[in-house]
Amino acid sequence: MGLFTYLLRSARRPFLLALAASVVSGGAGAAFIAVVNLALARAGNVPAGLVWLFTGLCVATVVTRFLSQNLLFRLSQGFIQSLRRRLTDAILGAPLRTVEKTGTPRLYSALSDDVVVIADALPGLPMVCFSAAFVAVCLAYMAVVSPAVALASLVATALGVAVYRLFAHYGLRRLGAAREEQDRLFEHFRAVTEGTKELKLDRRRREALAGERLDATASAYRRNSVVGLSVFEGAAGGGQAVFFGLIGVLLFCFPLWFALSTRTLTDSVMVLLFMVSSLQGVLTWLPVLGRASVALRTIEERLDLLESAGRETRPAEPTTGFERWERLEFRGVTHTYPGARGEEFVLGPLDITFRRGEVLFVVGGNGSGKTTLAKLLTGLYVPEKGTVQVDGTEITADNREAYRSQFSAVFSDFFLFGV
């Protein structure tokens, strides 16, 4: 599981401690059932040691379960903080062109939704470990009571896991499709919130966005989510049905095949009922863990895209040297926008000289390159060809931060910061 591996890599110690507490809690819970059966078999003649064992298992089950959940709650909040910080640093450290190519809705969706989905799923991992330990101890106990029943239970467990995996693969695909539609939804939401004025002025555009595209995307998201979550629920029901079938075989067939006492049969059925109850708790977490796996994969794709472009050089100390500049020059500066169908828009090569104190107006039609020129001028875009020079000094990664600090700009898509 990708989520499991990521947590081992990023928070190994607290995560393993939480899982260990869950395993102890699950094992203690299953041992508790064995002690109850032993006490019932004694018919009132229960030794003091068994009473103390019963008490100790009760305390161990409660304390370790609380410890595991408390550790995971702490880990989940730290996980949200660290993953959001990593995403933020990747956005601020990547070249602006890469950030623009990734898209604001896709990045905002990862920051606001995917991280929370993963954090909400973390408490389910100890439950999985609890159930695994619980089932293992139950099987060991049944192997002592009746090897035949234990073997049948082991086969049923393997069959239940196989049924789940058969359904889960398809369910994850549909949840992944829903996650892709979510990016489009965030893009529509951004258009609604940031383009409210334009939409109010243009009825046809408003109806096309809110009445057609948004509804179509929302319907696709809902359809894929419903199918994906329903598949996981079907997997849970299938696994549960396998164990109910096993109980039926124990009740109606095993007495015909094997010489089982009533006591052995009763103990086995009781243990199986507890196993089904424990597994049912795990199965409720499977859709949540499935969504978390999709969300983590999406975040890692976003991070890979941002980090693969390289990080902009940030000097340890702020550099200066351009405060008294007199002349800024473009020498053969070129920037290229790749198109979706292989076409390209090339701005340049540009040879321009700007002098201190000049007032310049850049005019041109939509898409003629005015904003691109402004981003090249302010250092937000790095020229693909050519150089930018200030008083003969070339602007490079080492001094670009100091160069950018000489500019103040209000772009058409400006952002107004709070105090």
Protein backbone atom coordinates (compact mmCIF):
# COMPACT_ATOMS: atom_id res chain seq x y z
CA MET A 1 0.00 0.00 0.00
CA GLY A 2 1.45 3.37 -1.04
CA LEU A 3 0.15 5.15 2.06
CA PHE A 4 1.78 2.58 4.34
CA THR A 5 5.13 2.94 2.55
CA TYR A 6 4.96 6.74 2.61
CA LEU A 7 4.36 6.82 6.37
CA LEU A 8 7.23 4.40 6.98
CA ARG A 9 9.45 6.73 5.00
CA SER A 10 8.30 10.04 6.49
CA ALA A 11 7.37 9.20 10.11
CA ARG A 12 8.76 5.75 10.81
CA ARG A 13 9.05 5.79 14.60
CA PRO A 14 5.61 7.11 15.66
CA PHE A 15 3.88 5.15 12.91
CA LEU A 16 5.52 1.85 13.88
CA LEU A 17 4.77 2.54 17.54
CA ALA A 18 1.10 3.10 16.70
CA LEU A 19 0.98 -0.09 14.64
CA ALA A 20 2.70 -2.07 17.40
CA ALA A 21 0.12 -0.83 19.91
CA SER A 22 -2.63 -1.88 17.50
CA VAL A 23 -1.15 -5.36 17.11
CA VAL A 24 -0.93 -5.76 20.88
CA SER A 25 -4.51 -4.53 21.24
CA GLY A 26 -5.75 -6.96 18.60
CA GLY A 27 -3.88 -9.89 20.08
CA ALA A 28 -5.11 -9.05 23.58
CA GLY A 29 -8.67 -8.80 22.33
CA ALA A 30 -8.53 -12.24 20.74
CA ALA A 31 -6.84 -13.73 23.82
CA PHE A 32 -9.65 -12.21 25.87
CA ILE A 33 -12.15 -14.39 23.96
CA ALA A 34 -10.05 -17.49 24.65
CA VAL A 35 -10.00 -16.67 28.37
CA VAL A 36 -13.79 -16.22 28.36
CA ASN A 37 -14.20 -19.66 26.79
CA LEU A 38 -11.88 -21.19 29.38
CA ALA A 39 -13.83 -19.57 32.20
CA LEU A 40 -17.11 -20.88 30.78
CA ALA A 41 -15.63 -24.36 30.52
CA ARG A 42 -14.76 -24.29 34.24
CA ALA A 43 -18.47 -23.83 35.10
CA GLY A 44 -17.87 -21.54 38.08
CA ASN A 45 -14.64 -23.14 39.31
CA VAL A 46 -12.37 -20.41 37.92
CA PRO A 47 -8.81 -20.15 39.33
CA ALA A 48 -7.49 -16.78 40.55
CA GLY A 49 -4.80 -16.73 37.85
CA LEU A 50 -7.44 -16.80 35.15
CA VAL A 51 -9.25 -13.87 36.79
CA TRP A 52 -6.05 -11.81 36.84
CA LEU A 53 -5.34 -12.75 33.22
CA PHE A 54 -8.86 -11.65 32.28
CA THR A 55 -8.34 -8.29 34.05
CA GLY A 56 -4.93 -7.75 32.49
CA LEU A 57 -6.23 -8.44 28.98
CA CYS A 58 -9.10 -6.01 29.49
CA VAL A 59 -6.71 -3.25 30.57
CA ALA A 60 -4.18 -4.03 27.82
CA THR A 61 -6.86 -3.98 25.10
CA VAL A 62 -8.25 -0.61 26.16
CA VAL A 63 -4.90 1.10 26.87
CA THR A 64 -3.13 -0.04 23.69
CA ARG A 65 -6.10 0.84 21.51
CA PHE A 66 -6.23 4.34 23.01
CA LEU A 67 -2.47 4.70 22.60
CA SER A 68 -2.51 3.68 18.95
CA GLN A 69 -5.38 6.02 18.06
CA ASN A 70 -3.85 8.91 20.00
CA LEU A 71 -0.53 8.47 18.20
CA LEU A 72 -2.28 8.33 14.84
CA PHE A 73 -4.31 11.46 15.59
CA ARG A 74 -1.08 13.30 16.39
CA LEU A 75 0.57 11.85 13.32
CA SER A 76 -2.34 12.82 11.06
CA GLN A 77 -2.21 16.47 12.12
CA GLY A 78 1.56 16.57 11.69
CA PHE A 79 1.12 14.85 8.35
CA ILE A 80 -1.26 17.56 7.14
CA GLN A 81 1.17 20.28 8.19
CA SER A 82 4.30 18.69 6.70
CA LEU A 83 2.70 17.63 3.42
CA ARG A 84 1.12 21.03 2.87
CA ARG A 85 4.45 22.67 3.66
CA ARG A 86 6.19 20.42 1.16
CA LEU A 87 3.62 21.30 -1.50
CA THR A 88 3.94 25.01 -0.68
CA ASP A 89 7.74 24.90 -0.85
CA ALA A 90 7.56 23.02 -4.16
CA ILE A 91 5.20 25.64 -5.62
CA LEU A 92 7.30 28.57 -4.44
CA GLY A 93 10.57 26.88 -5.43
CA ALA A 94 9.55 25.75 -8.92
CA PRO A 95 9.91 28.00 -11.97
CA LEU A 96 6.78 30.08 -12.59
CA ARG A 97 6.23 28.48 -16.00
CA THR A 98 6.03 25.03 -14.36
CA VAL A 99 3.53 26.27 -11.77
CA GLU A 100 1.38 27.81 -14.52
CA LYS A 101 1.56 24.61 -16.56
CA THR A 102 0.44 22.53 -13.57
CA GLY A 103 -2.53 24.84 -13.03
CA THR A 104 -3.90 26.63 -9.98
CA PRO A 105 -7.02 24.41 -9.61
CA ARG A 106 -4.94 21.22 -9.59
CA LEU A 107 -2.54 22.60 -6.98
CA TYR A 108 -5.30 24.03 -4.81
CA SER A 109 -7.21 20.75 -4.95
CA ALA A 110 -4.11 18.89 -3.72
CA LEU A 111 -3.53 21.38 -0.90
CA SER A 112 -7.11 21.64 0.29
CA ASP A 113 -8.68 18.23 -0.36
CA ASP A 114 -6.14 15.47 -1.02
CA VAL A 115 -4.13 16.14 2.13
CA VAL A 116 -7.27 16.01 4.29
CA VAL A 117 -8.44 12.78 2.63
CA ILE A 118 -5.13 11.13 3.52
CA ALA A 119 -5.14 12.44 7.09
CA ASP A 120 -8.70 11.19 7.64
CA ALA A 121 -7.64 7.71 6.50
CA LEU A 122 -4.68 7.36 8.85
CA PRO A 123 -6.71 6.07 11.84
CA GLY A 124 -7.83 3.17 9.65
CA LEU A 125 -4.31 1.72 9.37
CA PRO A 126 -4.10 0.70 13.07
CA MET A 127 -7.55 -0.86 12.66
CA VAL A 128 -6.19 -3.04 9.87
CA CYS A 129 -3.25 -4.13 12.06
CA PHE A 130 -5.61 -4.69 15.02
CA SER A 131 -7.79 -6.94 12.89
CA ALA A 132 -4.82 -8.85 11.47
CA ALA A 133 -3.49 -9.59 14.95
CA PHE A 134 -6.98 -10.44 16.17
CA VAL A 135 -7.55 -12.94 13.33
CA ALA A 136 -4.08 -14.49 13.79
CA VAL A 137 -4.63 -15.13 17.50
CA CYS A 138 -8.15 -16.44 16.85
CA LEU A 139 -6.81 -18.88 14.26
CA ALA A 140 -4.11 -20.02 16.68
CA TYR A 141 -6.73 -20.59 19.37
CA MET A 142 -8.96 -22.54 16.99
CA ALA A 143 -5.98 -24.65 15.93
CA VAL A 144 -5.82 -25.82 19.55
CA VAL A 145 -9.57 -26.35 19.80
CA SER A 146 -10.02 -28.02 16.39
CA PRO A 147 -7.37 -28.14 13.61
CA ALA A 148 -10.09 -28.86 11.01
CA VAL A 149 -12.03 -25.72 11.94
CA ALA A 150 -8.81 -23.67 11.98
CA LEU A 151 -7.90 -24.89 8.47
CA ALA A 152 -11.38 -24.06 7.17
CA SER A 153 -11.15 -20.59 8.75
CA LEU A 154 -7.75 -20.00 7.18
CA VAL A 155 -9.11 -20.96 3.75
CA ALA A 156 -12.11 -18.65 4.27
CA THR A 157 -9.79 -15.77 5.24
CA ALA A 158 -7.68 -16.28 2.12
CA LEU A 159 -10.81 -16.46 -0.03
CA GLY A 160 -12.16 -13.26 1.54
CA VAL A 161 -8.90 -11.43 0.80
CA ALA A 162 -8.96 -12.68 -2.79
CA VAL A 163 -12.54 -11.45 -3.25
CA TYR A 164 -11.59 -8.03 -1.87
CA ARG A 165 -8.56 -7.67 -4.16
CA LEU A 166 -10.67 -8.67 -7.16
CA PHE A 167 -13.09 -5.82 -6.48
CA ALA A 168 -10.58 -3.28 -5.15
CA HIS A 169 -8.58 -2.88 -8.36
CA TYR A 170 -11.64 -1.76 -10.32
CA GLY A 171 -12.83 0.40 -7.44
CA LEU A 172 -9.52 2.27 -7.29
CA ARG A 173 -9.70 2.96 -11.03
CA ARG A 174 -13.12 4.55 -10.68
CA LEU A 175 -12.02 6.59 -7.66
CA GLY A 176 -9.02 7.74 -9.71
CA ALA A 177 -11.37 8.85 -12.49
CA ALA A 178 -13.43 10.74 -9.91
CA ARG A 179 -10.27 12.45 -8.68
CA GLU A 180 -9.50 13.68 -12.20
CA GLU A 181 -13.01 15.12 -12.46
CA GLN A 182 -12.43 16.88 -9.15
CA ASP A 183 -9.62 18.93 -10.72
CA ARG A 184 -12.04 20.09 -13.39
CA LEU A 185 -14.61 20.93 -10.71
CA PHE A 186 -12.08 23.13 -8.90
CA GLU A 187 -11.36 24.87 -12.19
CA HIS A 188 -15.06 25.59 -12.66
CA PHE A 189 -15.36 26.79 -9.05
CA ARG A 190 -12.47 29.15 -9.61
CA ALA A 191 -14.14 30.52 -12.73
CA VAL A 192 -17.36 31.09 -10.77
CA THR A 193 -15.69 32.86 -7.83
CA GLU A 194 -13.08 34.89 -9.72
CA GLY A 195 -15.20 35.60 -12.81
CA THR A 196 -18.43 36.55 -11.08
CA LYS A 197 -18.55 40.02 -12.63
CA GLU A 198 -18.01 38.75 -16.16
CA LEU A 199 -20.55 35.94 -15.71
CA LYS A 200 -23.19 38.37 -14.45
CA LEU A 201 -22.66 40.48 -17.57
CA ASP A 202 -22.87 37.58 -20.02
CA ARG A 203 -25.90 35.32 -19.68
CA ARG A 204 -24.85 32.85 -22.37
CA ARG A 205 -21.43 32.34 -20.83
CA ARG A 206 -23.01 32.00 -17.39
CA GLU A 207 -25.43 29.33 -18.57
CA ALA A 208 -22.70 27.49 -20.48
CA LEU A 209 -20.45 27.34 -17.41
CA ALA A 210 -22.90 26.86 -14.54
CA GLY A 211 -25.63 25.05 -16.44
CA GLU A 212 -23.64 22.79 -18.76
CA ARG A 213 -19.96 22.29 -18.06
CA LEU A 214 -20.16 22.44 -14.27
CA ASP A 215 -23.17 20.10 -14.16
CA ALA A 216 -21.54 17.66 -16.56
CA THR A 217 -18.31 17.56 -14.54
CA ALA A 218 -20.17 17.26 -11.23
CA SER A 219 -22.27 14.41 -12.62
CA ALA A 220 -19.17 12.57 -13.85
CA TYR A 221 -17.50 13.04 -10.45
CA ARG A 222 -20.59 11.78 -8.64
CA ARG A 223 -20.99 8.80 -10.98
CA ASN A 224 -17.38 7.63 -10.63
CA SER A 225 -17.39 8.19 -6.86
CA VAL A 226 -20.62 6.25 -6.37
CA VAL A 227 -19.41 3.34 -8.50
CA GLY A 228 -15.97 3.26 -6.84
CA LEU A 229 -17.32 3.41 -3.28
CA SER A 230 -20.05 0.90 -4.12
CA VAL A 231 -17.47 -1.53 -5.46
CA PHE A 232 -15.56 -1.30 -2.18
CA GLU A 233 -18.80 -1.87 -0.31
CA GLY A 234 -19.45 -4.90 -2.52
CA ALA A 235 -15.99 -6.19 -1.68
CA ALA A 236 -16.76 -5.76 2.01
CA GLY A 237 -20.06 -7.59 1.64
CA GLY A 238 -18.39 -10.39 -0.32
CA GLY A 239 -15.76 -10.90 2.37
CA GLN A 240 -18.40 -10.93 5.06
CA ALA A 241 -20.50 -13.43 3.10
CA VAL A 242 -17.52 -15.82 2.97
CA PHE A 243 -17.35 -15.93 6.77
CA PHE A 244 -21.11 -16.27 7.15
CA GLY A 245 -20.89 -19.19 4.72
CA LEU A 246 -18.15 -20.72 6.88
CA ILE A 247 -20.33 -20.43 9.98
CA GLY A 248 -23.12 -22.19 8.08
CA VAL A 249 -20.75 -24.99 7.09
CA LEU A 250 -19.65 -25.35 10.72
CA LEU A 251 -23.22 -25.53 11.98
CA PHE A 252 -24.74 -27.81 9.37
CA CYS A 253 -21.95 -29.78 7.70
CA PHE A 254 -19.04 -30.24 10.10
CA PRO A 255 -21.07 -32.30 12.61
CA LEU A 256 -21.75 -34.75 9.75
CA TRP A 257 -18.10 -34.94 8.67
CA PHE A 258 -16.19 -34.72 11.95
CA ALA A 259 -16.77 -35.89 15.51
CA LEU A 260 -17.06 -32.41 17.08
CA SER A 261 -18.40 -31.93 20.56
CA THR A 262 -21.08 -29.35 21.18
CA ARG A 263 -18.60 -27.37 23.27
CA THR A 264 -16.02 -27.28 20.47
CA LEU A 265 -18.61 -26.26 17.91
CA THR A 266 -19.94 -23.52 20.20
CA ASP A 267 -16.45 -22.15 20.90
CA SER A 268 -15.59 -22.14 17.18
CA VAL A 269 -18.77 -20.35 16.13
CA MET A 270 -18.35 -17.76 18.88
CA VAL A 271 -14.77 -17.04 17.85
CA LEU A 272 -15.82 -16.74 14.19
CA LEU A 273 -18.55 -14.27 15.08
CA PHE A 274 -15.99 -12.08 16.84
CA MET A 275 -13.70 -12.40 13.80
CA VAL A 276 -16.50 -11.26 11.48
CA SER A 277 -17.21 -8.30 13.77
CA SER A 278 -13.52 -7.31 13.76
CA LEU A 279 -13.25 -7.67 9.99
CA GLN A 280 -16.41 -5.62 9.52
CA GLY A 281 -14.68 -2.74 11.30
CA VAL A 282 -11.80 -2.99 8.85
CA LEU A 283 -14.06 -3.23 5.82
CA THR A 284 -15.68 0.10 6.69
CA TRP A 285 -12.24 1.71 6.36
CA LEU A 286 -11.41 0.18 2.98
CA PRO A 287 -13.17 2.84 0.84
CA VAL A 288 -11.51 5.58 2.91
CA LEU A 289 -8.10 3.97 2.48
CA GLY A 290 -8.80 3.54 -1.24
CA ARG A 291 -9.53 7.25 -1.65
CA ALA A 292 -6.42 8.06 0.39
CA SER A 293 -4.26 5.93 -1.94
CA VAL A 294 -5.63 7.83 -4.95
CA ALA A 295 -5.08 11.18 -3.20
CA LEU A 296 -1.49 10.30 -2.26
CA ARG A 297 -0.72 9.20 -5.81
CA THR A 298 -2.14 12.50 -7.09
CA ILE A 299 -0.05 14.57 -4.66
CA GLU A 300 3.11 12.67 -5.58
CA GLU A 301 2.40 13.31 -9.27
CA ARG A 302 2.02 17.04 -8.56
CA LEU A 303 5.23 17.09 -6.52
CA ASP A 304 7.16 15.16 -9.17
CA LEU A 305 5.99 17.61 -11.82
CA LEU A 306 7.06 20.61 -9.74
CA GLU A 307 10.32 19.19 -8.43
CA SER A 308 11.44 17.66 -11.74
CA ALA A 309 11.65 21.16 -13.20
CA GLY A 310 14.34 22.01 -10.64
CA ARG A 311 14.32 24.51 -7.82
CA GLU A 312 15.18 28.13 -8.29
CA THR A 313 18.40 29.13 -6.57
CA ARG A 314 17.76 31.01 -3.34
CA PRO A 315 20.84 32.72 -1.85
CA ALA A 316 21.29 32.20 1.89
CA GLU A 317 21.60 35.95 2.36
CA PRO A 318 19.77 38.64 0.34
CA THR A 319 22.04 40.01 -2.35
CA THR A 320 22.14 43.61 -3.52
CA GLY A 321 23.84 45.53 -6.27
CA PHE A 322 21.09 46.71 -8.63
CA GLU A 323 19.66 49.60 -6.60
CA ARG A 324 21.48 52.25 -8.66
CA TRP A 325 21.03 50.63 -12.06
CA GLU A 326 21.06 52.82 -15.17
CA ARG A 327 20.55 50.51 -18.15
CA LEU A 328 18.66 47.19 -18.59
CA GLU A 329 19.17 45.27 -21.82
CA PHE A 330 17.61 42.30 -23.60
CA ARG A 331 20.06 40.59 -25.94
CA GLY A 332 18.39 38.00 -28.22
CA VAL A 333 15.85 37.05 -25.52
CA THR A 334 13.38 34.33 -26.62
CA HIS A 335 10.50 32.53 -24.92
CA THR A 336 8.42 29.71 -26.40
CA TYR A 337 4.93 28.51 -25.47
CA PRO A 338 4.30 24.92 -26.62
CA GLY A 339 0.76 24.30 -27.90
CA ALA A 340 -1.52 21.36 -27.18
CA ARG A 341 -1.28 20.10 -30.77
CA GLY A 342 2.43 20.59 -31.27
CA GLU A 343 2.21 24.21 -32.41
CA GLU A 344 4.39 26.89 -30.80
CA PHE A 345 4.11 30.60 -30.02
CA VAL A 346 7.56 32.21 -29.97
CA LEU A 347 8.21 35.63 -28.50
CA GLY A 348 11.46 37.09 -29.76
CA PRO A 349 14.29 37.24 -30.31
CA LEU A 350 14.12 40.59 -28.49
CA ASP A 351 16.83 43.23 -28.44
CA ILE A 352 15.65 46.08 -26.22
CA THR A 353 17.32 48.64 -24.00
CA PHE A 354 15.49 50.20 -21.03
CA ARG A 355 16.98 53.26 -19.31
CA ARG A 356 16.34 54.51 -15.82
CA GLY A 357 13.61 57.16 -15.68
CA GLU A 358 11.96 56.20 -18.96
CA VAL A 359 8.19 55.66 -19.21
CA LEU A 360 7.30 52.92 -21.70
CA PHE A 361 3.97 51.68 -23.03
CA VAL A 362 3.74 48.22 -24.59
CA VAL A 363 0.68 47.83 -26.81
CA GLY A 364 -0.66 44.91 -28.80
CA GLY A 365 -3.61 42.60 -29.28
CA ASN A 366 -4.61 39.69 -27.08
CA GLY A 367 -2.01 36.93 -27.21
CA SER A 368 0.65 39.12 -28.78
CA GLY A 369 3.09 38.59 -25.88
CA LYS A 370 2.70 41.66 -23.65
CA THR A 371 2.35 39.68 -20.39
CA THR A 372 5.15 37.33 -21.41
CA LEU A 373 7.39 40.33 -22.01
CA ALA A 374 6.51 41.68 -18.56
CA LYS A 375 7.37 38.33 -16.94
CA LEU A 376 10.69 38.19 -18.77
CA LEU A 377 11.41 41.75 -17.75
CA THR A 378 10.69 41.13 -14.07
CA GLY A 379 12.65 37.88 -13.97
CA LEU A 380 9.63 35.65 -13.44
CA TYR A 381 10.45 33.84 -16.69
CA VAL A 382 14.01 32.76 -17.49
CA PRO A 383 14.91 33.38 -21.16
CA GLU A 384 15.26 30.17 -23.16
CA LYS A 385 17.73 31.96 -25.40
CA GLY A 386 19.59 35.21 -25.03
CA THR A 387 20.53 37.18 -21.92
CA VAL A 388 19.20 39.92 -19.67
CA GLN A 389 21.86 42.38 -18.51
CA VAL A 390 21.86 45.19 -16.00
CA ASP A 391 24.66 47.70 -16.58
CA GLY A 392 26.58 44.94 -18.34
CA THR A 393 26.03 42.31 -15.60
CA GLU A 394 24.20 39.22 -16.81
CA ILE A 395 21.24 38.04 -14.74
CA THR A 396 21.80 34.46 -13.63
CA ALA A 397 20.40 32.10 -11.00
CA ASP A 398 22.83 33.57 -8.44
CA ASN A 399 21.58 37.16 -8.68
CA ARG A 400 18.04 36.74 -10.03
CA GLU A 401 16.51 37.14 -6.55
CA ALA A 402 18.16 40.55 -6.13
CA TYR A 403 17.14 41.51 -9.67
CA ARG A 404 13.48 40.63 -9.07
CA SER A 405 13.39 42.70 -5.88
CA GLN A 406 13.85 45.87 -7.97
CA PHE A 407 10.38 45.48 -9.52
CA SER A 408 6.87 46.19 -8.37
CA ALA A 409 4.10 44.90 -10.62
CA VAL A 410 0.31 44.73 -10.72
CA PHE A 411 -0.66 42.00 -13.19
CA SER A 412 -4.13 41.57 -14.66
CA ASP A 413 -4.56 38.44 -12.49
CA PHE A 414 -3.16 40.15 -9.39
CA PHE A 415 -3.66 38.87 -5.85
CA LEU A 416 -4.44 41.22 -2.96
CA PHE A 417 -2.70 40.03 0.20
CA GLY A 418 -4.07 40.61 3.68
CA VAL A 419 -2.30 42.73 6.27
